[in-house]
Amino acid sequence: MSADAAAGDPAAGGPAAGRPADGASAADAYTGPLPIGSRSGVVYHIDASYFIFRAYHSMPPDMMDADGNATHALYGFARFMSDLLEQVRPERIGVAFDQSLRSGTSFRNGIFPAYKANREAPPVELERQFALCREFCRHMGLAEFASAEYEADDIIGTLAARARAAGLHNVVVTRDKDLSQLIRDGDVFWDYSGNARYGYHEIGPRFGAIPELIADFLALTGDSVDNIPGVPGVGRKTAAGLFAIFGSLDELYANLERVPGMKLRGAAALAAKLLAHKEAAYLARRLTGIVCDVPLECSLDELKRRAPDTAGLEAFFDTHGFGNILRHQARRIAGVRTTV
C-alpha cells in the first residue's frame, strides 16, 4: 500500500489527529496556563514510544518498502512528528524512546521482575521500525534519546527537571497518565491524539491526584498496564479520598489510625488492609515514581532544533518507499521552496 494513501489517517498524526487547523500553531491553540508568547521559554518532550505503538496498531499493516519490510509504524510516527514540527515549530524539543523495555534491562525489572511481564515482546518488524524512527528524528535535526537502563519517562523527567531549573516551561506530549506526575505550574500535559491539554490544576480532576501525588496514587491503586499490583481492593475513588486528606504515602501510613473514621466505603477495614500490604505499596511506589536525575550527557542547548538534513531525508524516504507528502512537508519545515 502506498504511504501517501494513508496520509489522511488520524493515526498517522495527520490533519484529523488532534492538531490545530492549518495556519494556527498548536502553541496558539493553548487555553491553559502556559504563557507561550515566546517559544524560547518552552521545551517540548515527546513520548515517542506511545506514538509508534499507536501507529503500529492503527496504520495499514501492508505498507512496505521495496524489500517487503513493514513501514507503517515508521510512516505514522514520521507524519505525527512532521505535523507537530510544522504547526508548533518549537525551539527546544527532545524525543524519548523506550529501549529498556525491549531489552529487559530496565532498573525497574531489577526491583520487581514481574514489572510489565504481562506485555508481549514487540515483533521483529516493530523493533526494526523503532530504530528507523530514531534515525528519522536525527535526519530532522532533533535530539533523540534512549537508554538500556531507564525508560522514556525517566529521560523526559530528567530533561523536564533541568528545563524547570533553568526557568523554562515544559510541554509533555503523550497520553500516558504516568507522565502527568511531571507537570508543575506553568507546564502542560498535551494529549495530542485526544486533542486535550491539561495544566497543573487540571491533572487532579483528570487523573485522580495532583501531579506530586500521582506516583503515590498509583502505588495504592496499582497499574494493570505495567503489571503493578498495588493494594488489593483500593481503587481510584478510595485512593483519591485518602490523598484528599493525606499529603503523601508516608503521611498516610503514619496516620493509619485516622482511616477508620473517614467517610470512605469500607473505611473500617481499610486501615488493616493498608497495613497488611504496606510492603507491596512501597515496592509499587519505587516502580511508579519517575526518575528525574538520569545521567544524560545533554545540555538544554542541545535540545534546540537543528536544520533538517534534506539530502539525508530524501534518501531515507526513497529507501522506505515514502511518497511526496512527507517530502514536501520536510522541505517546508526546512524552509526549502517546493516546486509543484
Protein backbone atom coordinates (compact mmCIF):
# COMPACT_ATOMS: atom_id res chain seq x y z
CA MET A 1 0.00 0.00 0.00
CA SER A 2 1.23 3.48 -0.83
CA ALA A 3 2.32 5.53 2.16
CA ASP A 4 0.56 8.59 0.78
CA ALA A 5 -2.71 6.67 0.56
CA ALA A 6 -2.81 6.54 4.35
CA ALA A 7 -1.66 10.13 4.87
CA GLY A 8 -5.05 11.41 5.92
CA ASP A 9 -5.47 8.74 8.57
CA PRO A 10 -5.64 10.31 12.06
CA ALA A 11 -3.41 7.51 13.35
CA ALA A 12 -0.60 8.95 11.30
CA GLY A 13 -0.85 12.23 13.12
CA GLY A 14 -2.36 13.82 10.04
CA PRO A 15 -4.88 16.62 9.70
CA ALA A 16 -7.52 14.92 11.81
CA ALA A 17 -5.21 13.84 14.59
CA GLY A 18 -5.94 16.48 17.19
CA ARG A 19 -3.83 19.36 15.93
CA PRO A 20 -4.96 22.91 15.17
CA ALA A 21 -6.31 23.89 11.80
CA ASP A 22 -3.88 24.96 9.10
CA GLY A 23 -2.45 28.38 9.76
CA ALA A 24 -2.73 28.13 13.54
CA SER A 25 0.07 26.77 15.66
CA ALA A 26 -0.53 24.28 18.45
CA ALA A 27 1.07 26.78 20.79
CA ASP A 28 -1.50 29.40 19.79
CA ALA A 29 -4.28 26.89 20.48
CA TYR A 30 -3.48 26.60 24.20
CA THR A 31 -6.21 27.77 26.52
CA GLY A 32 -4.43 26.54 29.65
CA PRO A 33 -1.92 28.30 31.89
CA LEU A 34 1.14 28.07 29.66
CA PRO A 35 2.14 31.57 28.54
CA ILE A 36 3.54 30.67 25.16
CA GLY A 37 4.20 34.10 23.77
CA SER A 38 7.77 33.10 23.04
CA ARG A 39 8.75 29.52 22.22
CA SER A 40 12.22 30.24 23.58
CA GLY A 41 10.81 29.63 27.06
CA VAL A 42 9.31 26.22 26.33
CA VAL A 43 10.73 22.71 25.98
CA TYR A 44 8.65 20.04 24.23
CA HIS A 45 9.14 16.45 25.37
CA ILE A 46 7.87 13.70 23.06
CA ASP A 47 6.95 10.25 24.39
CA ALA A 48 7.91 8.59 21.11
CA SER A 49 7.05 5.00 22.03
CA TYR A 50 3.38 5.80 22.59
CA PHE A 51 3.01 7.28 19.10
CA ILE A 52 4.98 4.47 17.46
CA PHE A 53 2.81 1.78 19.06
CA ARG A 54 -0.30 3.74 18.17
CA ALA A 55 0.74 3.94 14.52
CA TYR A 56 1.73 0.26 14.50
CA HIS A 57 -1.73 -0.82 15.64
CA SER A 58 -3.79 1.64 13.59
CA MET A 59 -1.99 2.25 10.30
CA PRO A 60 -2.45 -0.21 7.39
CA PRO A 61 -0.02 -3.10 8.05
CA ASP A 62 0.54 -3.70 4.33
CA MET A 63 2.66 -0.55 4.00
CA MET A 64 6.07 -1.91 3.00
CA ASP A 65 9.32 -0.87 1.39
CA ALA A 66 10.73 -2.40 -1.80
CA ASP A 67 12.28 -5.26 0.19
CA GLY A 68 8.97 -6.19 1.83
CA ASN A 69 9.77 -4.70 5.23
CA ALA A 70 6.84 -3.18 7.13
CA THR A 71 6.93 0.62 7.36
CA HIS A 72 3.51 1.53 8.78
CA ALA A 73 4.69 2.41 12.30
CA LEU A 74 7.58 4.42 10.87
CA TYR A 75 5.34 6.32 8.49
CA GLY A 76 2.71 7.04 11.15
CA PHE A 77 5.34 8.31 13.56
CA ALA A 78 7.01 10.42 10.88
CA ARG A 79 3.68 12.01 9.98
CA PHE A 80 2.95 12.77 13.62
CA MET A 81 6.36 14.33 14.21
CA SER A 82 6.24 16.30 10.95
CA ASP A 83 2.79 17.67 11.73
CA LEU A 84 3.83 18.70 15.20
CA LEU A 85 7.03 20.35 13.99
CA GLU A 86 5.30 22.20 11.19
CA GLN A 87 2.49 23.50 13.37
CA VAL A 88 4.31 24.24 16.62
CA ARG A 89 7.83 24.98 15.33
CA PRO A 90 9.33 24.50 18.81
CA GLU A 91 12.72 25.96 19.56
CA ARG A 92 13.65 23.19 22.01
CA ILE A 93 12.43 19.62 21.72
CA GLY A 94 13.56 16.20 22.91
CA VAL A 95 12.26 12.84 21.67
CA ALA A 96 12.48 9.97 24.15
CA PHE A 97 12.31 6.29 23.17
CA ASP A 98 11.88 3.15 25.28
CA GLN A 99 14.88 0.94 24.73
CA SER A 100 14.98 -0.59 28.20
CA LEU A 101 11.54 -2.20 27.92
CA ARG A 102 12.58 -4.11 24.82
CA SER A 103 15.95 -5.24 26.15
CA GLY A 104 14.62 -6.26 29.58
CA THR A 105 17.37 -4.32 31.36
CA SER A 106 15.23 -1.60 32.96
CA PHE A 107 16.24 -0.94 36.54
CA ARG A 108 12.58 -1.49 37.48
CA ASN A 109 12.84 -5.12 36.36
CA GLY A 110 15.70 -5.46 38.83
CA ILE A 111 13.40 -4.22 41.60
CA PHE A 112 10.38 -6.27 40.52
CA PRO A 113 10.99 -8.96 37.87
CA ALA A 114 7.27 -9.15 37.05
CA TYR A 115 7.23 -5.47 36.07
CA LYS A 116 5.48 -5.27 32.66
CA ALA A 117 5.86 -9.04 32.31
CA ASN A 118 2.26 -9.12 31.09
CA ARG A 119 3.32 -7.46 27.83
CA GLU A 120 4.31 -9.46 24.82
CA ALA A 121 7.72 -8.78 23.31
CA PRO A 122 7.46 -6.41 20.34
CA PRO A 123 7.51 -8.22 16.99
CA VAL A 124 10.69 -8.08 14.97
CA GLU A 125 9.25 -5.72 12.36
CA LEU A 126 8.35 -3.22 15.09
CA GLU A 127 11.83 -3.44 16.63
CA ARG A 128 13.24 -2.52 13.26
CA GLN A 129 10.86 0.42 12.88
CA PHE A 130 11.76 1.75 16.33
CA ALA A 131 15.36 2.13 15.19
CA LEU A 132 14.23 3.81 11.97
CA CYS A 133 12.08 6.27 13.90
CA ARG A 134 15.18 7.33 15.81
CA GLU A 135 17.04 7.72 12.53
CA PHE A 136 14.21 9.86 11.15
CA CYS A 137 14.49 12.17 14.18
CA ARG A 138 18.21 12.61 13.59
CA HIS A 139 17.60 13.49 9.93
CA MET A 140 15.04 16.05 11.12
CA GLY A 141 17.61 17.72 13.35
CA LEU A 142 16.04 16.57 16.61
CA ALA A 143 17.69 15.42 19.81
CA GLU A 144 16.60 11.83 20.47
CA PHE A 145 17.29 9.66 23.49
CA ALA A 146 17.08 6.06 24.65
CA SER A 147 18.62 4.10 27.49
CA ALA A 148 19.12 0.43 28.27
CA GLU A 149 18.56 1.14 31.98
CA TYR A 150 15.98 3.92 32.10
CA GLU A 151 12.62 4.34 30.41
CA ALA A 152 11.48 7.19 28.19
CA ASP A 153 9.52 8.53 31.18
CA ASP A 154 12.75 8.88 33.17
CA ILE A 155 14.51 10.62 30.28
CA ILE A 156 11.62 13.07 29.95
CA GLY A 157 11.54 13.56 33.71
CA THR A 158 15.23 14.39 33.78
CA LEU A 159 15.06 16.83 30.87
CA ALA A 160 11.94 18.46 32.32
CA ALA A 161 13.64 18.91 35.70
CA ARG A 162 16.65 20.52 34.05
CA ALA A 163 14.42 22.80 31.99
CA ARG A 164 12.45 23.87 35.07
CA ALA A 165 15.64 24.61 36.96
CA ALA A 166 16.63 26.89 34.09
CA GLY A 167 13.33 28.77 34.30
CA LEU A 168 11.72 27.11 31.28
CA HIS A 169 8.23 25.62 30.93
CA ASN A 170 7.57 22.04 29.81
CA VAL A 171 5.05 20.56 27.41
CA VAL A 172 4.87 16.77 27.74
CA VAL A 173 3.36 15.24 24.60
CA THR A 174 1.87 11.83 25.44
CA ARG A 175 -1.25 10.04 26.59
CA ASP A 176 0.48 8.14 29.36
CA LYS A 177 -1.04 9.10 32.72
CA ASP A 178 2.24 8.25 34.49
CA LEU A 179 3.90 11.29 32.94
CA SER A 180 1.33 13.63 34.48
CA GLN A 181 3.38 13.48 37.68
CA LEU A 182 5.97 15.70 35.97
CA ILE A 183 3.63 18.63 35.45
CA ARG A 184 4.12 21.74 37.57
CA ASP A 185 2.54 25.17 37.47
CA GLY A 186 3.11 26.63 34.01
CA ASP A 187 3.61 23.23 32.34
CA VAL A 188 1.19 21.39 30.06
CA PHE A 189 0.34 17.71 29.62
CA TRP A 190 -0.63 17.50 25.95
CA ASP A 191 -2.72 14.51 24.92
CA TYR A 192 -2.05 15.16 21.25
CA SER A 193 -4.07 12.29 19.85
CA GLY A 194 -7.02 13.17 22.10
CA ASN A 195 -6.75 16.89 21.31
CA ALA A 196 -6.71 17.71 25.03
CA ARG A 197 -4.34 19.76 27.15
CA TYR A 198 -4.10 19.76 30.92
CA GLY A 199 -2.38 22.33 33.08
CA TYR A 200 -1.23 21.70 36.63
CA HIS A 201 -4.61 22.35 38.27
CA GLU A 202 -6.42 20.13 35.77
CA ILE A 203 -4.35 17.00 36.45
CA GLY A 204 -6.16 16.14 39.70
CA PRO A 205 -9.67 16.11 38.23
CA ARG A 206 -8.44 14.21 35.18
CA PHE A 207 -6.19 11.55 36.77
CA GLY A 208 -7.34 11.36 40.39
CA ALA A 209 -4.49 13.11 42.21
CA ILE A 210 -2.36 16.23 41.93
CA PRO A 211 0.90 15.68 40.00
CA GLU A 212 3.05 15.39 43.12
CA LEU A 213 0.85 12.51 44.32
CA ILE A 214 0.34 10.58 41.08
CA ALA A 215 3.12 8.08 41.90
CA ASP A 216 1.71 7.54 45.42
CA PHE A 217 -1.80 7.25 43.97
CA LEU A 218 -0.69 4.55 41.52
CA ALA A 219 1.20 2.75 44.30
CA LEU A 220 -2.14 2.18 46.03
CA THR A 221 -4.38 1.55 43.04
CA GLY A 222 -1.80 -0.43 41.11
CA ASP A 223 -1.38 -0.21 37.36
CA SER A 224 -2.54 -3.19 35.33
CA VAL A 225 -0.84 -1.85 32.20
CA ASP A 226 2.55 -2.07 33.91
CA ASN A 227 1.67 -5.19 35.95
CA ILE A 228 1.97 -3.31 39.26
CA PRO A 229 -0.41 -4.91 41.80
CA GLY A 230 -0.83 -2.08 44.36
CA VAL A 231 -3.06 -2.66 47.41
CA PRO A 232 -5.89 -5.12 46.69
CA GLY A 233 -9.32 -3.50 46.89
CA VAL A 234 -8.09 0.09 46.76
CA GLY A 235 -9.48 1.73 43.65
CA ARG A 236 -9.31 5.23 42.22
CA LYS A 237 -12.14 6.61 44.36
CA THR A 238 -10.69 5.29 47.62
CA ALA A 239 -7.17 6.44 46.77
CA ALA A 240 -8.48 9.88 45.78
CA GLY A 241 -10.32 10.12 49.09
CA LEU A 242 -7.20 9.18 51.04
CA PHE A 243 -4.96 11.66 49.26
CA ALA A 244 -7.51 14.41 49.65
CA ILE A 245 -6.59 14.19 53.34
CA PHE A 246 -3.02 12.89 53.40
CA GLY A 247 -0.21 14.62 51.55
CA SER A 248 1.87 11.55 50.74
CA LEU A 249 2.13 7.79 51.09
CA ASP A 250 4.38 8.35 54.12
CA GLU A 251 1.83 10.63 55.77
CA LEU A 252 -0.93 8.11 55.12
CA TYR A 253 0.99 5.27 56.73
CA ALA A 254 1.98 7.48 59.67
CA ASN A 255 -1.71 8.14 60.36
CA LEU A 256 -3.46 4.85 59.66
CA GLU A 257 -5.45 5.18 62.91
CA ARG A 258 -7.38 8.06 61.31
CA VAL A 259 -8.54 6.00 58.33
CA PRO A 260 -11.43 4.07 60.02
CA GLY A 261 -13.10 7.38 60.86
CA MET A 262 -13.02 8.67 57.29
CA LYS A 263 -16.15 8.85 55.15
CA LEU A 264 -14.99 6.19 52.74
CA ARG A 265 -16.69 2.97 51.76
CA GLY A 266 -15.22 0.14 53.82
CA ALA A 267 -13.18 2.57 55.93
CA ALA A 268 -13.40 0.33 58.99
CA ALA A 269 -11.40 -2.43 57.31
CA LEU A 270 -9.29 -0.18 55.11
CA ALA A 271 -6.57 0.59 57.66
CA ALA A 272 -5.92 -3.10 58.29
CA LYS A 273 -5.81 -3.74 54.55
CA LEU A 274 -3.32 -0.93 54.01
CA LEU A 275 -1.16 -2.18 56.87
CA ALA A 276 -1.18 -5.76 55.57
CA HIS A 277 0.00 -4.58 52.15
CA LYS A 278 2.38 -1.84 53.26
CA GLU A 279 5.43 -3.55 51.82
CA ALA A 280 3.68 -4.03 48.47
CA ALA A 281 2.60 -0.39 48.42
CA TYR A 282 6.15 0.86 48.99
CA LEU A 283 7.52 -1.55 46.41
CA ALA A 284 4.97 -0.22 43.94
CA ARG A 285 5.98 3.33 44.81
CA ARG A 286 9.54 2.56 43.70
CA LEU A 287 8.13 1.49 40.34
CA THR A 288 5.61 4.27 39.74
CA GLY A 289 7.91 7.18 40.54
CA ILE A 290 9.71 8.73 37.58
CA VAL A 291 13.47 9.20 37.95
CA CYS A 292 14.45 12.82 37.32
CA ASP A 293 18.22 12.56 37.60
CA VAL A 294 19.20 10.18 34.81
CA PRO A 295 22.89 10.72 33.91
CA LEU A 296 22.24 12.21 30.47
CA GLU A 297 25.09 13.97 28.74
CA CYS A 298 22.91 16.64 27.22
CA SER A 299 22.62 20.38 27.74
CA LEU A 300 19.41 22.33 27.18
CA ASP A 301 21.06 24.00 24.19
CA GLU A 302 21.38 20.56 22.59
CA LEU A 303 17.58 20.38 22.59
CA LYS A 304 17.44 23.28 20.15
CA ARG A 305 16.31 22.12 16.73
CA ARG A 306 18.94 21.86 14.06
CA ALA A 307 18.28 22.32 10.38
CA PRO A 308 16.90 19.12 8.82
CA ASP A 309 19.28 17.14 6.63
CA THR A 310 17.23 17.45 3.43
CA ALA A 311 19.54 15.23 1.35
CA GLY A 312 19.53 12.57 4.06
CA LEU A 313 15.74 12.76 4.31
CA GLU A 314 15.29 12.36 0.56
CA ALA A 315 17.44 9.24 0.62
CA PHE A 316 15.59 7.98 3.71
CA PHE A 317 12.20 8.46 2.03
CA ASP A 318 13.46 6.71 -1.11
CA THR A 319 14.73 3.74 0.87
CA HIS A 320 11.45 3.25 2.71
CA GLY A 321 9.12 3.91 -0.21
CA PHE A 322 7.55 7.13 1.05
CA GLY A 323 5.83 9.43 -1.42
CA ASN A 324 5.58 13.19 -1.74
CA ILE A 325 3.56 14.18 1.32
CA LEU A 326 6.39 13.72 3.83
CA ARG A 327 8.93 15.08 1.33
CA HIS A 328 7.05 18.33 0.78
CA GLN A 329 6.38 18.64 4.49
CA ALA A 330 10.06 18.14 5.36
CA ARG A 331 11.03 20.79 2.81
CA ARG A 332 8.56 23.25 4.30
CA ILE A 333 9.90 22.58 7.79
CA ALA A 334 13.43 23.11 6.48
CA GLY A 335 12.37 26.31 4.73
CA VAL A 336 13.15 24.92 1.28
CA ARG A 337 10.92 26.13 -1.53
CA THR A 338 8.89 23.30 -3.05
CA THR A 339 8.13 23.28 -6.77
CA VAL A 340 4.89 21.56 -7.69
